[in-house]
């Protein structure tokens, strides 16, 4: 879950947001931000298309980036099924193409 990670990040910075809303649909979140109804904490790769088109702007949360670790786990010693192998392969392919930089920030300043 992302909400506790974000809450802890803000708490460590001494920031208490006045209003918090957790929405489980990424597309809905992006649309609400486009309508200027708030801001969101999202990974840049989630909004690559909108950032590239100038429909959303990326802003830093603070001097230290908010990070999240991702993992794919399986039972040790059990051979993965074909769908499980394909899922792992797709995850690796997607991860290899993810943006890890914060290059949008230079244009935002």
C-alpha atoms as a PDB file:
ATOM      1  CA  UNK A   1       0.000   0.000   0.000  1.00  0.00           C
ATOM      2  CA  UNK A   2       1.289   3.409  -0.965  1.00  0.00           C
ATOM      3  CA  UNK A   3      -0.740   5.592   1.427  1.00  0.00           C
ATOM      4  CA  UNK A   4       1.213   4.671   4.591  1.00  0.00           C
ATOM      5  CA  UNK A   5       4.529   5.235   2.765  1.00  0.00           C
ATOM      6  CA  UNK A   6       3.420   8.706   1.643  1.00  0.00           C
ATOM      7  CA  UNK A   7       2.008   9.568   5.085  1.00  0.00           C
ATOM      8  CA  UNK A   8       5.281   8.535   6.748  1.00  0.00           C
ATOM      9  CA  UNK A   9       7.277  10.564   4.215  1.00  0.00           C
ATOM     10  CA  UNK A  10       5.261  13.721   4.970  1.00  0.00           C
ATOM     11  CA  UNK A  11       5.364  13.080   8.726  1.00  0.00           C
ATOM     12  CA  UNK A  12       9.178  12.919   8.640  1.00  0.00           C
ATOM     13  CA  UNK A  13       9.160  16.282   6.830  1.00  0.00           C
ATOM     14  CA  UNK A  14       6.808  17.767   9.446  1.00  0.00           C
ATOM     15  CA  UNK A  15       4.064  18.286   6.856  1.00  0.00           C
ATOM     16  CA  UNK A  16       0.433  17.533   7.619  1.00  0.00           C
ATOM     17  CA  UNK A  17      -1.803  17.695   4.521  1.00  0.00           C
ATOM     18  CA  UNK A  18      -5.122  19.418   5.213  1.00  0.00           C
ATOM     19  CA  UNK A  19      -7.080  16.888   3.172  1.00  0.00           C
ATOM     20  CA  UNK A  20      -6.202  13.374   2.048  1.00  0.00           C
ATOM     21  CA  UNK A  21      -8.154  11.246  -0.391  1.00  0.00           C
ATOM     22  CA  UNK A  22      -7.090   7.770  -1.470  1.00  0.00           C
ATOM     23  CA  UNK A  23      -8.340   6.671  -4.896  1.00  0.00           C
ATOM     24  CA  UNK A  24      -7.585   3.235  -6.301  1.00  0.00           C
ATOM     25  CA  UNK A  25      -7.930   4.135  -9.983  1.00  0.00           C
ATOM     26  CA  UNK A  26      -4.841   5.769 -11.523  1.00  0.00           C
ATOM     27  CA  UNK A  27      -6.743   7.178 -14.511  1.00  0.00           C
ATOM     28  CA  UNK A  28      -9.282   8.816 -12.182  1.00  0.00           C
ATOM     29  CA  UNK A  29      -6.454  10.340 -10.143  1.00  0.00           C
ATOM     30  CA  UNK A  30      -4.821  11.817 -13.243  1.00  0.00           C
ATOM     31  CA  UNK A  31      -8.142  13.235 -14.456  1.00  0.00           C
ATOM     32  CA  UNK A  32      -8.836  14.894 -11.087  1.00  0.00           C
ATOM     33  CA  UNK A  33      -5.378  16.487 -11.165  1.00  0.00           C
ATOM     34  CA  UNK A  34      -5.961  17.670 -14.768  1.00  0.00           C
ATOM     35  CA  UNK A  35      -9.187  19.312 -13.545  1.00  0.00           C
ATOM     36  CA  UNK A  36      -7.114  21.167 -10.920  1.00  0.00           C
ATOM     37  CA  UNK A  37      -8.949  19.429  -8.085  1.00  0.00           C
ATOM     38  CA  UNK A  38      -5.777  18.559  -6.220  1.00  0.00           C
ATOM     39  CA  UNK A  39      -2.337  17.050  -6.480  1.00  0.00           C
ATOM     40  CA  UNK A  40      -1.162  13.462  -6.344  1.00  0.00           C
ATOM     41  CA  UNK A  41       1.896  11.454  -5.433  1.00  0.00           C
ATOM     42  CA  UNK A  42       2.575   9.126  -8.373  1.00  0.00           C
ATOM     43  CA  UNK A  43       5.600   7.465  -9.875  1.00  0.00           C
ATOM     44  CA  UNK A  44       6.677   9.403 -12.995  1.00  0.00           C
ATOM     45  CA  UNK A  45       6.300   6.321 -15.205  1.00  0.00           C
ATOM     46  CA  UNK A  46       2.589   6.196 -14.334  1.00  0.00           C
ATOM     47  CA  UNK A  47       2.064   9.538 -16.060  1.00  0.00           C
ATOM     48  CA  UNK A  48       4.722   9.406 -18.808  1.00  0.00           C
ATOM     49  CA  UNK A  49       2.206  10.049 -21.579  1.00  0.00           C
ATOM     50  CA  UNK A  50       0.603  13.032 -19.812  1.00  0.00           C
ATOM     51  CA  UNK A  51       3.992  14.484 -18.825  1.00  0.00           C
ATOM     52  CA  UNK A  52       5.275  14.202 -22.400  1.00  0.00           C
ATOM     53  CA  UNK A  53       2.147  15.938 -23.736  1.00  0.00           C
ATOM     54  CA  UNK A  54       2.346  18.690 -21.125  1.00  0.00           C
ATOM     55  CA  UNK A  55      -1.020  17.766 -19.594  1.00  0.00           C
ATOM     56  CA  UNK A  56       0.518  17.159 -16.181  1.00  0.00           C
ATOM     57  CA  UNK A  57       3.568  18.651 -14.473  1.00  0.00           C
ATOM     58  CA  UNK A  58       6.006  16.812 -12.248  1.00  0.00           C
ATOM     59  CA  UNK A  59       7.070  18.541  -9.061  1.00  0.00           C
ATOM     60  CA  UNK A  60       9.455  17.268  -6.389  1.00  0.00           C
ATOM     61  CA  UNK A  61       8.078  16.350  -2.989  1.00  0.00           C
ATOM     62  CA  UNK A  62      11.275  17.468  -1.318  1.00  0.00           C
ATOM     63  CA  UNK A  63      15.034  17.174  -1.439  1.00  0.00           C
ATOM     64  CA  UNK A  64      14.873  13.409  -0.895  1.00  0.00           C
ATOM     65  CA  UNK A  65      12.930  11.332  -3.408  1.00  0.00           C
ATOM     66  CA  UNK A  66      10.135   9.113  -2.170  1.00  0.00           C
ATOM     67  CA  UNK A  67      11.021   5.531  -3.056  1.00  0.00           C
ATOM     68  CA  UNK A  68       9.136   2.283  -3.099  1.00  0.00           C
ATOM     69  CA  UNK A  69      10.469  -1.229  -3.550  1.00  0.00           C
ATOM     70  CA  UNK A  70       8.737  -3.726  -5.802  1.00  0.00           C
ATOM     71  CA  UNK A  71       9.153  -7.487  -5.670  1.00  0.00           C
ATOM     72  CA  UNK A  72       7.769 -10.582  -7.323  1.00  0.00           C
ATOM     73  CA  UNK A  73       7.815 -13.585  -5.006  1.00  0.00           C
ATOM     74  CA  UNK A  74       7.230 -17.292  -5.511  1.00  0.00           C
ATOM     75  CA  UNK A  75       7.425 -20.399  -3.353  1.00  0.00           C
ATOM     76  CA  UNK A  76      11.015 -21.638  -3.190  1.00  0.00           C
ATOM     77  CA  UNK A  77      11.592 -24.918  -4.964  1.00  0.00           C
ATOM     78  CA  UNK A  78       8.319 -24.846  -6.910  1.00  0.00           C
ATOM     79  CA  UNK A  79       8.590 -24.502 -10.667  1.00  0.00           C
ATOM     80  CA  UNK A  80       6.685 -21.519 -12.024  1.00  0.00           C
ATOM     81  CA  UNK A  81       3.741 -22.179 -14.317  1.00  0.00           C
ATOM     82  CA  UNK A  82       3.815 -20.759 -17.847  1.00  0.00           C
ATOM     83  CA  UNK A  83       1.549 -17.787 -16.911  1.00  0.00           C
ATOM     84  CA  UNK A  84       3.758 -17.067 -13.869  1.00  0.00           C
ATOM     85  CA  UNK A  85       6.896 -17.188 -16.028  1.00  0.00           C
ATOM     86  CA  UNK A  86       5.287 -14.856 -18.577  1.00  0.00           C
ATOM     87  CA  UNK A  87       4.245 -12.453 -15.812  1.00  0.00           C
ATOM     88  CA  UNK A  88       7.812 -12.334 -14.453  1.00  0.00           C
ATOM     89  CA  UNK A  89       9.178 -11.785 -17.971  1.00  0.00           C
ATOM     90  CA  UNK A  90       6.732  -8.906 -18.559  1.00  0.00           C
ATOM     91  CA  UNK A  91       7.673  -7.359 -15.202  1.00  0.00           C
ATOM     92  CA  UNK A  92      11.379  -7.491 -16.114  1.00  0.00           C
ATOM     93  CA  UNK A  93      10.714  -5.943 -19.530  1.00  0.00           C
ATOM     94  CA  UNK A  94       8.656  -3.127 -18.062  1.00  0.00           C
ATOM     95  CA  UNK A  95      11.129  -2.469 -15.257  1.00  0.00           C
ATOM     96  CA  UNK A  96      13.991  -2.249 -17.739  1.00  0.00           C
ATOM     97  CA  UNK A  97      12.204   0.581 -19.553  1.00  0.00           C
ATOM     98  CA  UNK A  98      11.142   2.575 -16.482  1.00  0.00           C
ATOM     99  CA  UNK A  99      12.404   6.066 -16.018  1.00  0.00           C
ATOM    100  CA  UNK A 100      14.582   6.324 -12.956  1.00  0.00           C
ATOM    101  CA  UNK A 101      15.636   9.921 -13.437  1.00  0.00           C
ATOM    102  CA  UNK A 102      13.827  13.106 -12.568  1.00  0.00           C
ATOM    103  CA  UNK A 103      14.561  14.929 -15.836  1.00  0.00           C
ATOM    104  CA  UNK A 104      11.168  16.652 -15.886  1.00  0.00           C
ATOM    105  CA  UNK A 105      12.246  18.740 -12.901  1.00  0.00           C
ATOM    106  CA  UNK A 106      14.746  20.791 -14.896  1.00  0.00           C
ATOM    107  CA  UNK A 107      11.926  22.045 -17.135  1.00  0.00           C
ATOM    108  CA  UNK A 108       9.624  22.700 -14.153  1.00  0.00           C
ATOM    109  CA  UNK A 109      11.975  25.135 -12.392  1.00  0.00           C
END
